[in-house]
């Protein structure tokens, strides 16, 4: 992708109790720079991705919130199906 700099890549991440792929990168769009974090895992027959995006100048403030949300993510099974 154009204007993208990969900061971190981790294949040992977890999303809830599942192995996940994680990539952290910076992307420039116009005059603004963004910090992006993507986690992906399989769920049943689907592929689930969670994407977090913040402007670089706010990422120190937003990262703790994103980490809390990702850490609290849980898979549940609906017994009515």
PDB file of N, CA and C in Angstrom:
ATOM      1  N   UNK A   1       0.840  -1.177   0.000  1.00  0.00           N
ATOM      2  CA  UNK A   1       0.000   0.000   0.000  1.00  0.00           C
ATOM      3  C   UNK A   1       0.886   1.241   0.000  1.00  0.00           C
ATOM      4  N   UNK A   2       0.394   2.264  -0.608  1.00  0.00           N
ATOM      5  CA  UNK A   2       1.130   3.512  -0.718  1.00  0.00           C
ATOM      6  C   UNK A   2       1.100   4.277   0.613  1.00  0.00           C
ATOM      7  N   UNK A   3       2.200   4.904   0.963  1.00  0.00           N
ATOM      8  CA  UNK A   3       2.327   5.730   2.171  1.00  0.00           C
ATOM      9  C   UNK A   3       2.126   4.951   3.466  1.00  0.00           C
ATOM     10  N   UNK A   4       2.536   3.681   3.494  1.00  0.00           N
ATOM     11  CA  UNK A   4       2.371   2.834   4.684  1.00  0.00           C
ATOM     12  C   UNK A   4       3.740   2.408   5.186  1.00  0.00           C
ATOM     13  N   UNK A   5       3.940   2.532   6.519  1.00  0.00           N
ATOM     14  CA  UNK A   5       5.171   2.060   7.157  1.00  0.00           C
ATOM     15  C   UNK A   5       4.775   1.082   8.259  1.00  0.00           C
ATOM     16  N   UNK A   6       5.169  -0.185   8.114  1.00  0.00           N
ATOM     17  CA  UNK A   6       4.836  -1.202   9.111  1.00  0.00           C
ATOM     18  C   UNK A   6       5.726  -1.002  10.337  1.00  0.00           C
ATOM     19  N   UNK A   7       5.094  -0.926  11.520  1.00  0.00           N
ATOM     20  CA  UNK A   7       5.816  -0.743  12.780  1.00  0.00           C
ATOM     21  C   UNK A   7       6.020  -2.052  13.519  1.00  0.00           C
ATOM     22  N   UNK A   8       5.028  -2.944  13.446  1.00  0.00           N
ATOM     23  CA  UNK A   8       5.089  -4.201  14.194  1.00  0.00           C
ATOM     24  C   UNK A   8       4.237  -5.245  13.500  1.00  0.00           C
ATOM     25  N   UNK A   9       4.660  -6.490  13.627  1.00  0.00           N
ATOM     26  CA  UNK A   9       3.971  -7.619  13.024  1.00  0.00           C
ATOM     27  C   UNK A   9       4.082  -8.766  14.008  1.00  0.00           C
ATOM     28  N   UNK A  10       2.955  -9.375  14.367  1.00  0.00           N
ATOM     29  CA  UNK A  10       2.987 -10.426  15.379  1.00  0.00           C
ATOM     30  C   UNK A  10       1.999 -11.527  15.024  1.00  0.00           C
ATOM     31  N   UNK A  11       2.492 -12.741  14.872  1.00  0.00           N
ATOM     32  CA  UNK A  11       1.614 -13.875  14.589  1.00  0.00           C
ATOM     33  C   UNK A  11       1.277 -14.642  15.857  1.00  0.00           C
ATOM     34  N   UNK A  12       1.771 -14.194  17.019  1.00  0.00           N
ATOM     35  CA  UNK A  12       1.510 -14.868  18.292  1.00  0.00           C
ATOM     36  C   UNK A  12       0.493 -14.120  19.148  1.00  0.00           C
ATOM     37  N   UNK A  13      -0.192 -13.158  18.575  1.00  0.00           N
ATOM     38  CA  UNK A  13      -1.195 -12.398  19.317  1.00  0.00           C
ATOM     39  C   UNK A  13      -2.400 -13.272  19.615  1.00  0.00           C
ATOM     40  N   UNK A  14      -3.254 -12.768  20.500  1.00  0.00           N
ATOM     41  CA  UNK A  14      -4.495 -13.462  20.835  1.00  0.00           C
ATOM     42  C   UNK A  14      -5.643 -12.479  20.797  1.00  0.00           C
ATOM     43  N   UNK A  15      -6.781 -12.974  20.379  1.00  0.00           N
ATOM     44  CA  UNK A  15      -8.031 -12.251  20.453  1.00  0.00           C
ATOM     45  C   UNK A  15      -8.978 -13.160  21.210  1.00  0.00           C
ATOM     46  N   UNK A  16      -9.293 -12.768  22.441  1.00  0.00           N
ATOM     47  CA  UNK A  16     -10.007 -13.645  23.386  1.00  0.00           C
ATOM     48  C   UNK A  16      -9.162 -14.898  23.559  1.00  0.00           C
ATOM     49  N   UNK A  17      -9.707 -16.062  23.285  1.00  0.00           N
ATOM     50  CA  UNK A  17      -8.960 -17.309  23.476  1.00  0.00           C
ATOM     51  C   UNK A  17      -8.404 -17.862  22.170  1.00  0.00           C
ATOM     52  N   UNK A  18      -8.413 -17.077  21.122  1.00  0.00           N
ATOM     53  CA  UNK A  18      -7.985 -17.554  19.796  1.00  0.00           C
ATOM     54  C   UNK A  18      -6.673 -16.918  19.357  1.00  0.00           C
ATOM     55  N   UNK A  19      -5.895 -17.685  18.627  1.00  0.00           N
ATOM     56  CA  UNK A  19      -4.681 -17.140  18.026  1.00  0.00           C
ATOM     57  C   UNK A  19      -5.087 -16.089  17.008  1.00  0.00           C
ATOM     58  N   UNK A  20      -4.307 -15.024  16.958  1.00  0.00           N
ATOM     59  CA  UNK A  20      -4.627 -13.939  16.037  1.00  0.00           C
ATOM     60  C   UNK A  20      -3.363 -13.424  15.367  1.00  0.00           C
ATOM     61  N   UNK A  21      -3.546 -12.834  14.239  1.00  0.00           N
ATOM     62  CA  UNK A  21      -2.504 -12.165  13.481  1.00  0.00           C
ATOM     63  C   UNK A  21      -2.659 -10.675  13.768  1.00  0.00           C
ATOM     64  N   UNK A  22      -1.560  -9.997  14.050  1.00  0.00           N
ATOM     65  CA  UNK A  22      -1.635  -8.562  14.363  1.00  0.00           C
ATOM     66  C   UNK A  22      -0.598  -7.800  13.550  1.00  0.00           C
ATOM     67  N   UNK A  23      -1.020  -6.674  13.045  1.00  0.00           N
ATOM     68  CA  UNK A  23      -0.098  -5.799  12.328  1.00  0.00           C
ATOM     69  C   UNK A  23      -0.367  -4.360  12.777  1.00  0.00           C
ATOM     70  N   UNK A  24       0.700  -3.628  13.021  1.00  0.00           N
ATOM     71  CA  UNK A  24       0.615  -2.226  13.419  1.00  0.00           C
ATOM     72  C   UNK A  24       1.374  -1.430  12.367  1.00  0.00           C
ATOM     73  N   UNK A  25       0.745  -0.386  11.874  1.00  0.00           N
ATOM     74  CA  UNK A  25       1.412   0.409  10.848  1.00  0.00           C
ATOM     75  C   UNK A  25       0.972   1.865  10.916  1.00  0.00           C
ATOM     76  N   UNK A  26       1.766   2.703  10.267  1.00  0.00           N
ATOM     77  CA  UNK A  26       1.448   4.124  10.157  1.00  0.00           C
ATOM     78  C   UNK A  26       1.141   4.398   8.696  1.00  0.00           C
ATOM     79  N   UNK A  27       0.146   5.235   8.497  1.00  0.00           N
ATOM     80  CA  UNK A  27      -0.271   5.560   7.138  1.00  0.00           C
ATOM     81  C   UNK A  27      -0.504   7.059   7.019  1.00  0.00           C
ATOM     82  N   UNK A  28      -0.033   7.627   5.956  1.00  0.00           N
ATOM     83  CA  UNK A  28      -0.243   9.044   5.713  1.00  0.00           C
ATOM     84  C   UNK A  28      -1.368   9.197   4.701  1.00  0.00           C
ATOM     85  N   UNK A  29      -2.348  10.021   5.064  1.00  0.00           N
ATOM     86  CA  UNK A  29      -3.459  10.333   4.174  1.00  0.00           C
ATOM     87  C   UNK A  29      -3.544  11.849   4.080  1.00  0.00           C
ATOM     88  N   UNK A  30      -3.183  12.369   2.946  1.00  0.00           N
ATOM     89  CA  UNK A  30      -3.110  13.828   2.801  1.00  0.00           C
ATOM     90  C   UNK A  30      -2.009  14.366   3.692  1.00  0.00           C
ATOM     91  N   UNK A  31      -2.326  15.348   4.528  1.00  0.00           N
ATOM     92  CA  UNK A  31      -1.343  15.926   5.447  1.00  0.00           C
ATOM     93  C   UNK A  31      -1.355  15.258   6.812  1.00  0.00           C
ATOM     94  N   UNK A  32      -2.246  14.305   7.029  1.00  0.00           N
ATOM     95  CA  UNK A  32      -2.389  13.676   8.341  1.00  0.00           C
ATOM     96  C   UNK A  32      -1.763  12.287   8.367  1.00  0.00           C
ATOM     97  N   UNK A  33      -1.152  11.975   9.516  1.00  0.00           N
ATOM     98  CA  UNK A  33      -0.592  10.639   9.720  1.00  0.00           C
ATOM     99  C   UNK A  33      -1.471   9.888  10.704  1.00  0.00           C
ATOM    100  N   UNK A  34      -1.696   8.626  10.404  1.00  0.00           N
ATOM    101  CA  UNK A  34      -2.543   7.785  11.230  1.00  0.00           C
ATOM    102  C   UNK A  34      -1.772   6.574  11.733  1.00  0.00           C
ATOM    103  N   UNK A  35      -2.098   6.153  12.929  1.00  0.00           N
ATOM    104  CA  UNK A  35      -1.606   4.925  13.528  1.00  0.00           C
ATOM    105  C   UNK A  35      -2.739   3.915  13.345  1.00  0.00           C
ATOM    106  N   UNK A  36      -2.434   2.738  12.788  1.00  0.00           N
ATOM    107  CA  UNK A  36      -3.468   1.736  12.577  1.00  0.00           C
ATOM    108  C   UNK A  36      -3.021   0.400  13.166  1.00  0.00           C
ATOM    109  N   UNK A  37      -3.962  -0.308  13.739  1.00  0.00           N
ATOM    110  CA  UNK A  37      -3.709  -1.628  14.323  1.00  0.00           C
ATOM    111  C   UNK A  37      -4.803  -2.555  13.824  1.00  0.00           C
ATOM    112  N   UNK A  38      -4.410  -3.705  13.318  1.00  0.00           N
ATOM    113  CA  UNK A  38      -5.348  -4.674  12.772  1.00  0.00           C
ATOM    114  C   UNK A  38      -5.098  -6.031  13.415  1.00  0.00           C
ATOM    115  N   UNK A  39      -6.141  -6.630  13.957  1.00  0.00           N
ATOM    116  CA  UNK A  39      -6.081  -7.990  14.486  1.00  0.00           C
ATOM    117  C   UNK A  39      -7.038  -8.838  13.671  1.00  0.00           C
ATOM    118  N   UNK A  40      -6.643 -10.052  13.367  1.00  0.00           N
ATOM    119  CA  UNK A  40      -7.498 -10.936  12.581  1.00  0.00           C
ATOM    120  C   UNK A  40      -7.384 -12.357  13.109  1.00  0.00           C
ATOM    121  N   UNK A  41      -8.519 -13.066  13.103  1.00  0.00           N
ATOM    122  CA  UNK A  41      -8.564 -14.449  13.546  1.00  0.00           C
ATOM    123  C   UNK A  41      -9.697 -15.161  12.822  1.00  0.00           C
ATOM    124  N   UNK A  42      -9.731 -16.464  12.916  1.00  0.00           N
ATOM    125  CA  UNK A  42     -10.846 -17.211  12.345  1.00  0.00           C
ATOM    126  C   UNK A  42     -11.917 -17.389  13.411  1.00  0.00           C
ATOM    127  N   UNK A  43     -13.155 -17.429  12.970  1.00  0.00           N
ATOM    128  CA  UNK A  43     -14.289 -17.669  13.861  1.00  0.00           C
ATOM    129  C   UNK A  43     -15.311 -18.477  13.087  1.00  0.00           C
ATOM    130  N   UNK A  44     -15.508 -19.719  13.527  1.00  0.00           N
ATOM    131  CA  UNK A  44     -16.350 -20.673  12.811  1.00  0.00           C
ATOM    132  C   UNK A  44     -15.868 -20.726  11.368  1.00  0.00           C
ATOM    133  N   UNK A  45     -16.712 -20.399  10.408  1.00  0.00           N
ATOM    134  CA  UNK A  45     -16.301 -20.459   9.000  1.00  0.00           C
ATOM    135  C   UNK A  45     -15.951 -19.085   8.437  1.00  0.00           C
ATOM    136  N   UNK A  46     -15.778 -18.120   9.314  1.00  0.00           N
ATOM    137  CA  UNK A  46     -15.520 -16.750   8.885  1.00  0.00           C
ATOM    138  C   UNK A  46     -14.144 -16.278   9.346  1.00  0.00           C
ATOM    139  N   UNK A  47     -13.767 -15.144   8.833  1.00  0.00           N
ATOM    140  CA  UNK A  47     -12.538 -14.480   9.234  1.00  0.00           C
ATOM    141  C   UNK A  47     -12.943 -13.173   9.882  1.00  0.00           C
ATOM    142  N   UNK A  48     -12.588 -12.955  11.130  1.00  0.00           N
ATOM    143  CA  UNK A  48     -12.976 -11.776  11.886  1.00  0.00           C
ATOM    144  C   UNK A  48     -11.785 -10.835  11.998  1.00  0.00           C
ATOM    145  N   UNK A  49     -12.007  -9.565  11.698  1.00  0.00           N
ATOM    146  CA  UNK A  49     -10.946  -8.570  11.839  1.00  0.00           C
ATOM    147  C   UNK A  49     -11.434  -7.418  12.719  1.00  0.00           C
ATOM    148  N   UNK A  50     -10.523  -6.906  13.510  1.00  0.00           N
ATOM    149  CA  UNK A  50     -10.766  -5.710  14.318  1.00  0.00           C
ATOM    150  C   UNK A  50      -9.706  -4.702  13.907  1.00  0.00           C
ATOM    151  N   UNK A  51     -10.158  -3.519  13.567  1.00  0.00           N
ATOM    152  CA  UNK A  51      -9.266  -2.483  13.057  1.00  0.00           C
ATOM    153  C   UNK A  51      -9.407  -1.250  13.942  1.00  0.00           C
ATOM    154  N   UNK A  52      -8.287  -0.708  14.370  1.00  0.00           N
ATOM    155  CA  UNK A  52      -8.252   0.503  15.184  1.00  0.00           C
ATOM    156  C   UNK A  52      -7.451   1.547  14.434  1.00  0.00           C
ATOM    157  N   UNK A  53      -7.973   2.755  14.392  1.00  0.00           N
ATOM    158  CA  UNK A  53      -7.296   3.838  13.680  1.00  0.00           C
ATOM    159  C   UNK A  53      -7.327   5.097  14.534  1.00  0.00           C
ATOM    160  N   UNK A  54      -6.190   5.771  14.648  1.00  0.00           N
ATOM    161  CA  UNK A  54      -6.102   7.017  15.404  1.00  0.00           C
ATOM    162  C   UNK A  54      -5.096   7.929  14.717  1.00  0.00           C
ATOM    163  N   UNK A  55      -5.332   9.207  14.814  1.00  0.00           N
ATOM    164  CA  UNK A  55      -4.313  10.135  14.326  1.00  0.00           C
ATOM    165  C   UNK A  55      -3.084   9.992  15.195  1.00  0.00           C
ATOM    166  N   UNK A  56      -1.916  10.050  14.608  1.00  0.00           N
ATOM    167  CA  UNK A  56      -0.662   9.876  15.354  1.00  0.00           C
ATOM    168  C   UNK A  56      -0.569  10.778  16.573  1.00  0.00           C
ATOM    169  N   UNK A  57      -0.988  12.027  16.439  1.00  0.00           N
ATOM    170  CA  UNK A  57      -0.822  12.952  17.555  1.00  0.00           C
ATOM    171  C   UNK A  57      -1.748  12.623  18.725  1.00  0.00           C
ATOM    172  N   UNK A  58      -2.779  11.773  18.519  1.00  0.00           N
ATOM    173  CA  UNK A  58      -3.665  11.355  19.608  1.00  0.00           C
ATOM    174  C   UNK A  58      -3.462   9.900  20.022  1.00  0.00           C
ATOM    175  N   UNK A  59      -2.569   9.175  19.370  1.00  0.00           N
ATOM    176  CA  UNK A  59      -2.454   7.735  19.608  1.00  0.00           C
ATOM    177  C   UNK A  59      -2.041   7.392  21.039  1.00  0.00           C
ATOM    178  N   UNK A  60      -1.224   8.224  21.692  1.00  0.00           N
ATOM    179  CA  UNK A  60      -0.852   7.947  23.088  1.00  0.00           C
ATOM    180  C   UNK A  60      -2.064   7.974  24.006  1.00  0.00           C
ATOM    181  N   UNK A  61      -3.041   8.795  23.680  1.00  0.00           N
ATOM    182  CA  UNK A  61      -4.257   8.881  24.481  1.00  0.00           C
ATOM    183  C   UNK A  61      -5.246   7.782  24.117  1.00  0.00           C
ATOM    184  N   UNK A  62      -5.289   7.396  22.848  1.00  0.00           N
ATOM    185  CA  UNK A  62      -6.287   6.438  22.380  1.00  0.00           C
ATOM    186  C   UNK A  62      -5.856   4.980  22.514  1.00  0.00           C
ATOM    187  N   UNK A  63      -4.551   4.714  22.495  1.00  0.00           N
ATOM    188  CA  UNK A  63      -4.083   3.329  22.574  1.00  0.00           C
ATOM    189  C   UNK A  63      -4.532   2.590  23.832  1.00  0.00           C
ATOM    190  N   UNK A  64      -4.481   3.185  25.024  1.00  0.00           N
ATOM    191  CA  UNK A  64      -4.967   2.455  26.204  1.00  0.00           C
ATOM    192  C   UNK A  64      -6.434   2.045  26.075  1.00  0.00           C
ATOM    193  N   UNK A  65      -7.267   2.900  25.501  1.00  0.00           N
ATOM    194  CA  UNK A  65      -8.676   2.559  25.299  1.00  0.00           C
ATOM    195  C   UNK A  65      -8.817   1.404  24.307  1.00  0.00           C
ATOM    196  N   UNK A  66      -8.085   1.466  23.211  1.00  0.00           N
ATOM    197  CA  UNK A  66      -8.140   0.384  22.221  1.00  0.00           C
ATOM    198  C   UNK A  66      -7.669  -0.927  22.831  1.00  0.00           C
ATOM    199  N   UNK A  67      -6.585  -0.898  23.592  1.00  0.00           N
ATOM    200  CA  UNK A  67      -6.078  -2.122  24.226  1.00  0.00           C
ATOM    201  C   UNK A  67      -7.084  -2.701  25.206  1.00  0.00           C
ATOM    202  N   UNK A  68      -7.766  -1.853  25.972  1.00  0.00           N
ATOM    203  CA  UNK A  68      -8.790  -2.315  26.909  1.00  0.00           C
ATOM    204  C   UNK A  68      -9.935  -2.987  26.156  1.00  0.00           C
ATOM    205  N   UNK A  69     -10.372  -2.376  25.066  1.00  0.00           N
ATOM    206  CA  UNK A  69     -11.468  -2.955  24.283  1.00  0.00           C
ATOM    207  C   UNK A  69     -11.051  -4.294  23.671  1.00  0.00           C
ATOM    208  N   UNK A  70      -9.852  -4.371  23.144  1.00  0.00           N
ATOM    209  CA  UNK A  70      -9.379  -5.621  22.539  1.00  0.00           C
ATOM    210  C   UNK A  70      -9.206  -6.697  23.602  1.00  0.00           C
ATOM    211  N   UNK A  71      -8.645  -6.333  24.754  1.00  0.00           N
ATOM    212  CA  UNK A  71      -8.451  -7.308  25.831  1.00  0.00           C
ATOM    213  C   UNK A  71      -9.770  -7.819  26.405  1.00  0.00           C
ATOM    214  N   UNK A  72     -10.828  -7.025  26.332  1.00  0.00           N
ATOM    215  CA  UNK A  72     -12.111  -7.436  26.897  1.00  0.00           C
ATOM    216  C   UNK A  72     -12.974  -8.203  25.898  1.00  0.00           C
ATOM    217  N   UNK A  73     -12.516  -8.349  24.672  1.00  0.00           N
ATOM    218  CA  UNK A  73     -13.290  -9.036  23.637  1.00  0.00           C
ATOM    219  C   UNK A  73     -13.449 -10.512  23.992  1.00  0.00           C
ATOM    220  N   UNK A  74     -14.669 -11.032  23.868  1.00  0.00           N
ATOM    221  CA  UNK A  74     -14.954 -12.441  24.137  1.00  0.00           C
ATOM    222  C   UNK A  74     -15.858 -13.009  23.052  1.00  0.00           C
ATOM    223  N   UNK A  75     -15.641 -14.269  22.722  1.00  0.00           N
ATOM    224  CA  UNK A  75     -16.519 -14.987  21.811  1.00  0.00           C
ATOM    225  C   UNK A  75     -17.591 -15.682  22.628  1.00  0.00           C
ATOM    226  N   UNK A  76     -18.827 -15.561  22.189  1.00  0.00           N
ATOM    227  CA  UNK A  76     -19.914 -16.253  22.875  1.00  0.00           C
ATOM    228  C   UNK A  76     -20.705 -17.067  21.856  1.00  0.00           C
ATOM    229  N   UNK A  77     -21.375 -18.076  22.347  1.00  0.00           N
ATOM    230  CA  UNK A  77     -22.195 -18.925  21.492  1.00  0.00           C
ATOM    231  C   UNK A  77     -23.650 -18.714  21.898  1.00  0.00           C
ATOM    232  N   UNK A  78     -24.494 -18.417  20.936  1.00  0.00           N
ATOM    233  CA  UNK A  78     -25.909 -18.209  21.199  1.00  0.00           C
ATOM    234  C   UNK A  78     -26.604 -19.563  21.209  1.00  0.00           C
ATOM    235  N   UNK A  79     -27.142 -19.984  22.359  1.00  0.00           N
ATOM    236  CA  UNK A  79     -27.778 -21.290  22.488  1.00  0.00           C
ATOM    237  C   UNK A  79     -29.123 -21.400  21.805  1.00  0.00           C
ATOM    238  N   UNK A  80     -29.661 -20.294  21.298  1.00  0.00           N
ATOM    239  CA  UNK A  80     -30.970 -20.340  20.634  1.00  0.00           C
ATOM    240  C   UNK A  80     -30.857 -20.665  19.155  1.00  0.00           C
ATOM    241  N   UNK A  81     -29.661 -20.758  18.631  1.00  0.00           N
ATOM    242  CA  UNK A  81     -29.484 -21.056  17.209  1.00  0.00           C
ATOM    243  C   UNK A  81     -29.637 -22.530  16.938  1.00  0.00           C
TER     244      UNK A  81
END
